[in-house]
Every structure is written in C-alpha cells, then in structure tokens.
Amino acid sequence: MVKRNVNFNPGPAALPLEVLKIVQEELLDYQGSGMSILESSHRAKEFESVNDQTIALVRELLGLGTDYHVLFLGGGASTQFALVPMNFIPDGGMAAYIDTGEFAAKALKECQIVAKAHVAFSSKEEKYVRVPRMDEIKYPADVAYLHLCSNNTIEGTQFKKFPDTGKVPLVADMSSDIASRQLDFKKFALIYAGAQKNLGPSGVALVIIRDDFLATARKGLPSMFSYRVHADNKSLYNTPPTFAIYIMKLVLEWIKGKGGLGGIEKINIAKKDLLYGAIDAAVDFYKGTAQKDSRSMMNVTMRLPSEELEARFIAEAKKEGLLGLKGHRSVGGIRFSIYNAVSLDDIRKTVDFMEKFRKSA
C-alpha cells in the first residue's frame, strides 16, 4: 500500500482507511449494477437505497425518531447560514445568535442580511478564547430561534453543555464535531453540518430538522431555498451530491462498527487527553490558546515561543508525515484537527514528535 500520512487538515479532513478501501473496491461496479455509484441516477433503486440507509443511520446513531427530517444538501454549512433565517424568521421577527468564533460570526452576518439578529453573547473582544457560561446567554423570549456553533474550528473551543431554551427553538452548526460524542440531540430543533470533517467528503451538508420547527418554516420561498421542499422530496428535489452521500453512509457504518457515538467518544477523549497533556506538560514551550474549560475535543490549538519556531515545527512535522498543522490564517499558530478518522496511534506519533522537537529547539 502507498504511504499514508497523518492528516490534520481541518476540512476536507481525514477519512477512515477502511471506508476508502470499500470505495476503491466498489468504484467501478457498485453491487453488481455494472456501473459506478458515481454514474448512478439519483432516481435509480441503487441510490435510493443508499439515501434511505443514510437517513436511517443518522437517526439511529444520533438517537432521533421519525419526527426529525434528515436532509442532504449542497452548498455546505455556509449556505445554511442564510437558509436558516430565510426559512424561520417571520416578517418583522428576530433571531438570537451566540458569537464564539469566526464561523459563528459569519452565520450572524448572513442572518443580518435578511432579518434582525440579537447577539445573545460574544467573546469576540476576548479573541474567542472561550464559550459562554449558561448564565451569560441573554436574549428576548420571542426570538424565532437561538443559534450557536457547537465547536469552533479555528479557535479550538467547544460547548460542553447547551442552554435550556424552553420554548425557543435551539439551532446548531455542528460542522466540526457532529457524531464525535454522545449528546441529547433531541434538544435541538435544527442541526446542520458540513460533512467534510467527521462525516465524509466535501460537497454535502447534513441538515436535521424537527417536525414542529419545520411546520413554522416560511412558505413561498424559491424551491431550492426551501427546507419544506427538500424535506417533502427526501433531498431528491434536484440531483443531490450522490457520491458524497454514499461515502457518508460508509462513514456512518464505520462509526457504528466502533460502538456508535459512545465508542467514538471514548477514543476521542483519549486522543485529546494525550495531546493536551503533551501541551500542558511543556508550558514553557507549548501554549494552548483556548481557555481550559472551553477546549475543543476536535481542534487543538497552540502557539510556540515564536513564529519562526512555529514555521520550523510545521516543516519538520511534514517530514515526519504529520500534515495540515498550520493554524488558520486569521489566528496563526498550530492547529491539530483530530476528527474521528484520526487514530489514537496517530496522536501517539504526534506527541513523540512534539517531545523530540521541543528538546531539539
């Protein structure tokens, strides 16, 4: 087999090797159909089966019933930044947003283009180093929904608990930590997530909407902008990103084989404990950028004593097969994106490199 590097890219991110092997094996002739699933019509029985199985796996792994619609849409999470307010803020209404990072801020900005938005909390002035305490989140009782980003990919922070919003629908962008841990997903009226971090390749966004929330969606929108239309057609109103959905199905099956979200969470906890432990054991050299009680289990961010050392760290890590470690251009530093497909052995290799690098610097 060709050499496999450790992929710390934030997205498109690592895919399980087991999944890639299945894709390779089935690529030319999908289950005896005589053609690739890449070529299959989205109306063909082969793909309809893939679509149905993927929907069922999402519901099973996240513990959701049939009162949740599961949609597979193009345009990524960034399109949902606009579609959520377009669909759910009524004329003259307003939604509330928790601003904890660059993508949370982008969602807020998109909402403000089409409707009013109340900022329920912002850590922008603190350079997004933390998420809020629950008592810091303030919003009017009549907002259409409260929106948050569960994990902040760039800044390396993550919600450990979620606000009890009562009758106010809770909406979450879970792009970078979906299916990485056990949660009560029934707390949410709507969840959306780009697949390219924990669920599959780029090109498809998962959108999950509870029936009672969907019933409040605005009517009369252009069809492609309407969640109602996509739900009524099981994501098949137009040609969906079929190949990405197929790979998502395989990734979900892989997660199920790991013991579901409970099994995956145990592995992810071990990974983040090992990596943060290495950072905290060398505080004179490695410095985590997120407040400890807000640290992400998916995106571990740190700085070194100088930008020159950071550049050298990235270059030498690449020689060791550790790729994608450069922090986002807006913040710099080092970022380890340790999504589900990054193994515990990958982290052990990384920690060994970190220790050798520190001693040689």
Protein backbone atom coordinates (compact mmCIF):
# COMPACT_ATOMS: atom_id res chain seq x y z
CA MET A 1 0.00 0.00 0.00
CA VAL A 2 1.12 3.56 -0.64
CA LYS A 3 2.35 5.54 2.32
CA ARG A 4 -0.42 7.15 4.39
CA ASN A 5 0.36 10.39 6.19
CA VAL A 6 -1.40 11.64 9.30
CA ASN A 7 -3.98 14.14 8.07
CA PHE A 8 -4.62 17.01 10.50
CA ASN A 9 -6.31 19.21 7.90
CA PRO A 10 -9.43 20.95 9.22
CA GLY A 11 -11.53 20.02 6.21
CA PRO A 12 -11.64 18.32 3.86
CA ALA A 13 -10.26 16.11 6.56
CA ALA A 14 -9.15 12.54 7.19
CA LEU A 15 -11.40 9.70 6.09
CA PRO A 16 -11.24 6.22 7.65
CA LEU A 17 -8.91 3.96 5.68
CA GLU A 18 -11.48 1.18 5.92
CA VAL A 19 -14.00 3.40 4.16
CA LEU A 20 -11.58 4.38 1.41
CA LYS A 21 -10.87 0.71 0.72
CA ILE A 22 -14.59 -0.02 0.32
CA VAL A 23 -14.95 2.94 -2.05
CA GLN A 24 -11.97 1.66 -4.04
CA GLU A 25 -13.41 -1.84 -4.24
CA GLU A 26 -16.90 -0.71 -5.27
CA LEU A 27 -15.92 2.18 -7.51
CA LEU A 28 -16.13 0.51 -10.93
CA ASP A 29 -19.09 -1.79 -10.30
CA TYR A 30 -21.41 -0.85 -7.47
CA GLN A 31 -23.02 -4.01 -6.05
CA GLY A 32 -23.36 -5.73 -9.41
CA SER A 33 -25.08 -2.80 -11.12
CA GLY A 34 -22.46 -2.73 -13.87
CA MET A 35 -21.65 0.93 -13.22
CA SER A 36 -20.11 3.15 -10.60
CA ILE A 37 -22.29 4.78 -7.96
CA LEU A 38 -20.78 7.98 -9.38
CA GLU A 39 -22.76 7.30 -12.55
CA SER A 40 -25.96 6.11 -10.92
CA SER A 41 -29.12 8.15 -11.35
CA HIS A 42 -30.42 9.66 -8.12
CA ARG A 43 -33.76 8.10 -9.13
CA ALA A 44 -32.27 4.60 -9.51
CA LYS A 45 -33.05 1.96 -6.91
CA GLU A 46 -29.34 1.65 -6.06
CA PHE A 47 -29.04 5.27 -4.98
CA GLU A 48 -32.50 5.45 -3.40
CA SER A 49 -31.36 2.60 -1.17
CA VAL A 50 -28.17 4.49 -0.28
CA ASN A 51 -30.24 7.60 0.54
CA ASP A 52 -32.68 5.67 2.73
CA GLN A 53 -29.91 3.80 4.56
CA THR A 54 -28.01 7.01 5.26
CA ILE A 55 -31.13 8.66 6.69
CA ALA A 56 -31.74 5.63 8.91
CA LEU A 57 -28.13 5.59 10.14
CA VAL A 58 -28.24 9.27 11.08
CA ARG A 59 -31.41 8.72 13.11
CA GLU A 60 -30.04 5.57 14.74
CA LEU A 61 -26.64 6.94 15.74
CA LEU A 62 -27.98 10.29 16.97
CA GLY A 63 -30.94 8.71 18.77
CA LEU A 64 -33.59 10.53 16.75
CA GLY A 65 -37.07 9.40 15.80
CA THR A 66 -39.04 9.83 12.61
CA ASP A 67 -40.17 13.24 13.89
CA TYR A 68 -36.85 14.53 12.53
CA HIS A 69 -36.29 15.07 8.82
CA VAL A 70 -32.77 14.18 7.62
CA LEU A 71 -31.66 16.14 4.57
CA PHE A 72 -28.54 16.01 2.38
CA LEU A 73 -27.99 19.35 0.66
CA GLY A 74 -25.39 21.06 -1.48
CA GLY A 75 -23.78 24.37 -0.63
CA GLY A 76 -22.15 23.34 2.63
CA ALA A 77 -22.82 24.76 6.07
CA SER A 78 -22.18 28.27 4.74
CA THR A 79 -25.37 28.10 2.68
CA GLN A 80 -27.32 27.15 5.80
CA PHE A 81 -26.10 30.40 7.41
CA ALA A 82 -28.55 32.12 5.06
CA LEU A 83 -31.22 29.45 4.63
CA VAL A 84 -31.95 29.12 8.36
CA PRO A 85 -33.02 32.77 8.82
CA MET A 86 -34.71 32.84 5.41
CA ASN A 87 -36.86 29.89 6.39
CA PHE A 88 -37.55 30.54 10.06
CA ILE A 89 -37.57 34.28 10.87
CA PRO A 90 -41.04 35.70 10.17
CA ASP A 91 -41.64 39.19 8.80
CA GLY A 92 -40.65 41.69 11.48
CA GLY A 93 -39.14 38.92 13.61
CA MET A 94 -35.69 38.37 15.02
CA ALA A 95 -33.34 35.50 15.92
CA ALA A 96 -30.65 35.32 18.59
CA TYR A 97 -27.02 34.33 17.92
CA ILE A 98 -24.16 33.28 20.19
CA ASP A 99 -20.91 34.62 18.73
CA THR A 100 -17.99 32.37 19.74
CA GLY A 101 -15.78 32.26 16.66
CA GLU A 102 -15.29 33.14 13.02
CA PHE A 103 -17.95 30.81 11.65
CA ALA A 104 -20.46 31.75 14.34
CA ALA A 105 -19.81 35.37 13.35
CA LYS A 106 -20.34 34.53 9.68
CA ALA A 107 -23.69 32.91 10.49
CA LEU A 108 -24.68 36.06 12.40
CA LYS A 109 -23.62 38.26 9.49
CA GLU A 110 -25.66 36.25 6.98
CA CYS A 111 -28.72 36.47 9.23
CA GLN A 112 -28.35 40.24 9.43
CA ILE A 113 -28.61 40.46 5.64
CA VAL A 114 -32.14 39.03 5.63
CA ALA A 115 -33.52 39.81 9.11
CA LYS A 116 -32.76 41.22 12.55
CA ALA A 117 -30.38 39.39 14.86
CA HIS A 118 -29.83 39.78 18.59
CA VAL A 119 -26.35 38.97 19.90
CA ALA A 120 -27.00 36.75 22.92
CA PHE A 121 -23.31 36.52 23.81
CA SER A 122 -19.98 37.35 22.18
CA SER A 123 -16.42 36.51 23.11
CA LYS A 124 -15.02 38.48 20.17
CA GLU A 125 -13.33 41.05 22.42
CA GLU A 126 -11.56 38.14 24.18
CA LYS A 127 -10.31 36.83 20.83
CA TYR A 128 -12.77 33.95 21.01
CA VAL A 129 -10.80 32.01 23.62
CA ARG A 130 -13.91 30.63 25.31
CA VAL A 131 -17.57 29.73 25.06
CA PRO A 132 -20.10 31.30 27.44
CA ARG A 133 -21.32 30.16 30.80
CA MET A 134 -25.02 29.38 30.53
CA ASP A 135 -25.93 32.40 32.68
CA GLU A 136 -24.15 34.73 30.24
CA ILE A 137 -26.51 33.94 27.36
CA LYS A 138 -29.24 36.60 27.16
CA TYR A 139 -31.97 37.00 24.54
CA PRO A 140 -35.63 38.10 24.26
CA ALA A 141 -38.27 35.44 24.85
CA ASP A 142 -39.91 35.99 21.46
CA VAL A 143 -36.93 35.29 19.17
CA ALA A 144 -37.52 32.83 16.32
CA TYR A 145 -34.60 30.66 17.49
CA LEU A 146 -31.26 30.71 19.31
CA HIS A 147 -28.28 29.81 17.11
CA LEU A 148 -24.87 28.57 18.22
CA CYS A 149 -21.80 26.87 16.77
CA SER A 150 -21.10 23.83 18.93
CA ASN A 151 -17.39 23.64 18.08
CA ASN A 152 -15.24 26.50 16.84
CA THR A 153 -12.79 25.02 14.35
CA ILE A 154 -10.45 27.99 14.06
CA GLU A 155 -10.25 28.99 17.72
CA GLY A 156 -10.35 25.49 19.23
CA THR A 157 -13.29 25.95 21.63
CA GLN A 158 -16.35 23.77 22.19
CA PHE A 159 -19.61 23.80 24.10
CA LYS A 160 -19.60 21.14 26.85
CA LYS A 161 -23.24 21.81 27.69
CA PHE A 162 -26.03 23.60 25.90
CA PRO A 163 -28.56 26.20 27.04
CA ASP A 164 -32.03 25.17 28.11
CA THR A 165 -34.05 27.36 25.78
CA GLY A 166 -37.54 26.30 26.79
CA LYS A 167 -39.98 27.18 24.01
CA VAL A 168 -37.30 28.92 21.92
CA PRO A 169 -36.01 26.53 19.22
CA LEU A 170 -32.30 25.73 19.53
CA VAL A 171 -30.33 25.68 16.25
CA ALA A 172 -26.73 24.48 15.98
CA ASP A 173 -23.96 24.47 13.43
CA MET A 174 -22.21 21.19 14.33
CA SER A 175 -19.95 21.01 11.30
CA SER A 176 -16.77 20.22 13.19
CA ASP A 177 -17.98 17.95 15.99
CA ILE A 178 -21.06 16.17 14.65
CA ALA A 179 -21.01 12.44 15.50
CA SER A 180 -17.90 12.78 17.68
CA ARG A 181 -19.59 12.41 21.08
CA GLN A 182 -22.82 11.44 22.76
CA LEU A 183 -25.32 14.28 23.10
CA ASP A 184 -29.04 14.70 23.65
CA PHE A 185 -29.67 15.69 20.05
CA LYS A 186 -33.38 15.99 20.78
CA LYS A 187 -32.63 19.32 22.46
CA PHE A 188 -32.18 20.81 19.01
CA ALA A 189 -34.85 21.97 16.61
CA LEU A 190 -32.34 22.11 13.74
CA ILE A 191 -28.78 20.88 13.31
CA TYR A 192 -26.62 21.41 10.26
CA ALA A 193 -23.11 20.23 9.48
CA GLY A 194 -20.76 20.20 6.53
CA ALA A 195 -19.73 16.57 6.06
CA GLN A 196 -16.06 17.19 5.33
CA LYS A 197 -14.78 16.91 8.89
CA ASN A 198 -16.39 13.90 10.61
CA LEU A 199 -18.96 12.52 8.18
CA GLY A 200 -17.41 12.24 4.73
CA PRO A 201 -16.02 14.29 1.86
CA SER A 202 -16.79 17.86 0.94
CA GLY A 203 -19.84 18.53 -1.19
CA VAL A 204 -22.74 17.65 1.09
CA ALA A 205 -24.23 19.23 4.19
CA LEU A 206 -26.31 17.25 6.66
CA VAL A 207 -29.42 19.12 7.86
CA ILE A 208 -31.67 17.68 10.56
CA ILE A 209 -34.98 19.42 11.31
CA ARG A 210 -37.63 18.54 13.86
CA ASP A 211 -41.18 18.34 12.52
CA ASP A 212 -42.66 21.02 14.77
CA PHE A 213 -39.96 23.50 13.77
CA LEU A 214 -40.27 22.70 10.08
CA ALA A 215 -44.00 23.38 10.37
CA THR A 216 -43.14 27.01 11.15
CA ALA A 217 -40.97 27.45 8.06
CA ARG A 218 -41.83 30.27 5.73
CA LYS A 219 -43.83 29.42 2.62
CA GLY A 220 -43.30 30.95 -0.80
CA LEU A 221 -39.52 30.78 -0.91
CA PRO A 222 -37.76 29.75 -4.14
CA SER A 223 -37.84 25.97 -4.18
CA MET A 224 -34.10 25.42 -3.77
CA PHE A 225 -34.06 27.71 -0.73
CA SER A 226 -36.99 25.98 1.00
CA TYR A 227 -36.38 23.32 3.65
CA ARG A 228 -40.03 22.31 3.20
CA VAL A 229 -39.40 21.41 -0.45
CA HIS A 230 -36.27 19.39 0.33
CA ALA A 231 -37.99 17.57 3.20
CA ASP A 232 -41.04 16.74 1.08
CA ASN A 233 -38.74 15.24 -1.54
CA LYS A 234 -36.29 13.40 0.78
CA SER A 235 -33.44 15.57 -0.57
CA LEU A 236 -34.23 14.42 -4.11
CA TYR A 237 -35.95 17.57 -5.39
CA ASN A 238 -32.89 18.13 -7.57
CA THR A 239 -29.82 15.96 -8.18
CA PRO A 240 -28.14 15.74 -4.77
CA PRO A 241 -24.39 15.17 -4.18
CA THR A 242 -24.83 11.42 -4.63
CA PHE A 243 -21.23 10.27 -4.24
CA ALA A 244 -20.72 12.29 -1.07
CA ILE A 245 -23.91 10.82 0.41
CA TYR A 246 -22.71 7.31 -0.45
CA ILE A 247 -19.43 7.93 1.37
CA MET A 248 -21.31 9.42 4.32
CA LYS A 249 -23.24 6.16 4.57
CA LEU A 250 -19.99 4.21 4.72
CA VAL A 251 -18.55 6.56 7.37
CA LEU A 252 -21.70 6.21 9.49
CA GLU A 253 -21.43 2.42 9.20
CA TRP A 254 -17.79 2.70 10.30
CA ILE A 255 -18.84 4.76 13.34
CA LYS A 256 -21.50 2.19 14.17
CA GLY A 257 -18.84 -0.53 13.97
CA LYS A 258 -16.73 1.42 16.50
CA GLY A 259 -19.53 1.18 19.05
CA GLY A 260 -21.56 4.14 17.87
CA LEU A 261 -21.10 7.58 19.35
CA GLY A 262 -20.25 6.11 22.74
CA GLY A 263 -17.34 4.16 21.32
CA ILE A 264 -16.13 7.05 19.18
CA GLU A 265 -16.33 9.44 22.13
CA LYS A 266 -14.08 7.22 24.27
CA ILE A 267 -11.44 7.22 21.54
CA ASN A 268 -11.75 10.98 21.04
CA ILE A 269 -11.38 11.64 24.76
CA ALA A 270 -8.21 9.54 24.86
CA LYS A 271 -6.84 11.43 21.85
CA LYS A 272 -7.49 14.90 23.23
CA ASP A 273 -6.24 13.97 26.72
CA LEU A 274 -2.95 12.74 25.26
CA LEU A 275 -2.47 15.81 23.07
CA TYR A 276 -3.48 18.43 25.64
CA GLY A 277 -1.38 16.56 28.19
CA ALA A 278 1.69 17.00 25.99
CA ILE A 279 0.96 20.72 25.65
CA ASP A 280 0.38 21.28 29.35
CA ALA A 281 3.48 19.30 30.30
CA ALA A 282 5.64 21.81 28.42
CA VAL A 283 4.01 25.15 29.21
CA ASP A 284 7.31 26.94 28.82
CA PHE A 285 7.32 25.92 25.14
CA TYR A 286 3.81 24.90 24.02
CA LYS A 287 0.90 27.13 24.98
CA GLY A 288 -2.72 26.21 24.37
CA THR A 289 -4.75 29.16 23.09
CA ALA A 290 -8.24 28.23 24.33
CA GLN A 291 -9.30 28.52 27.95
CA LYS A 292 -9.08 25.08 29.53
CA ASP A 293 -12.78 24.78 30.35
CA SER A 294 -13.64 25.62 26.72
CA ARG A 295 -11.08 23.43 24.97
CA SER A 296 -12.27 21.57 21.89
CA MET A 297 -12.07 17.81 21.57
CA MET A 298 -11.75 18.19 17.80
CA ASN A 299 -9.47 21.16 17.14
CA VAL A 300 -6.47 21.56 19.42
CA THR A 301 -4.78 24.95 19.04
CA MET A 302 -1.44 26.11 20.42
CA ARG A 303 1.37 28.60 19.98
CA LEU A 304 5.13 28.25 20.26
CA PRO A 305 7.52 30.90 21.62
CA SER A 306 7.99 32.45 18.16
CA GLU A 307 6.52 32.38 14.67
CA GLU A 308 9.90 31.16 13.41
CA LEU A 309 9.68 28.12 15.68
CA GLU A 310 6.11 27.52 14.53
CA ALA A 311 7.21 27.51 10.89
CA ARG A 312 10.01 25.10 11.71
CA PHE A 313 7.62 22.89 13.69
CA ILE A 314 5.27 22.66 10.70
CA ALA A 315 8.11 21.94 8.26
CA GLU A 316 9.70 19.24 10.40
CA ALA A 317 6.32 17.67 11.20
CA LYS A 318 5.66 17.39 7.47
CA LYS A 319 8.89 15.41 7.06
CA GLU A 320 7.51 13.00 9.69
CA GLY A 321 4.25 12.61 7.77
CA LEU A 322 2.21 14.92 10.02
CA LEU A 323 0.32 17.23 7.65
CA GLY A 324 -2.10 20.14 7.90
CA LEU A 325 -0.82 21.69 11.12
CA LYS A 326 -0.72 25.37 10.15
CA GLY A 327 -3.26 27.40 12.10
CA HIS A 328 -5.92 29.38 10.28
CA ARG A 329 -4.56 32.50 8.58
CA SER A 330 -6.69 34.71 10.85
CA VAL A 331 -5.04 33.48 14.06
CA GLY A 332 -1.77 31.76 13.10
CA GLY A 333 -0.13 29.22 15.36
CA ILE A 334 -0.56 25.45 15.23
CA ARG A 335 -3.82 23.51 14.94
CA PHE A 336 -4.35 19.77 15.24
CA SER A 337 -7.73 18.79 13.80
CA ILE A 338 -8.22 15.40 15.41
CA TYR A 339 -11.50 14.33 13.87
CA ASN A 340 -12.93 10.82 14.16
CA ALA A 341 -10.74 9.28 11.46
CA VAL A 342 -7.50 10.41 13.14
CA SER A 343 -6.43 7.42 15.24
CA LEU A 344 -5.04 7.22 18.75
CA ASP A 345 -1.82 5.83 17.26
CA ASP A 346 -1.62 8.97 15.10
CA ILE A 347 -1.75 11.07 18.26
CA ARG A 348 0.90 8.94 19.97
CA LYS A 349 3.18 9.51 16.98
CA THR A 350 2.46 13.23 17.15
CA VAL A 351 3.19 13.51 20.86
CA ASP A 352 6.51 11.71 20.34
CA PHE A 353 7.40 14.21 17.64
CA MET A 354 6.42 17.15 19.88
CA GLU A 355 8.75 15.96 22.62
CA LYS A 356 11.66 15.46 20.23
CA PHE A 357 11.08 18.84 18.64
CA ARG A 358 10.97 20.63 22.00
CA LYS A 359 14.25 19.08 23.07
CA SER A 360 15.95 19.97 19.79
CA ALA A 361 14.69 23.58 19.59
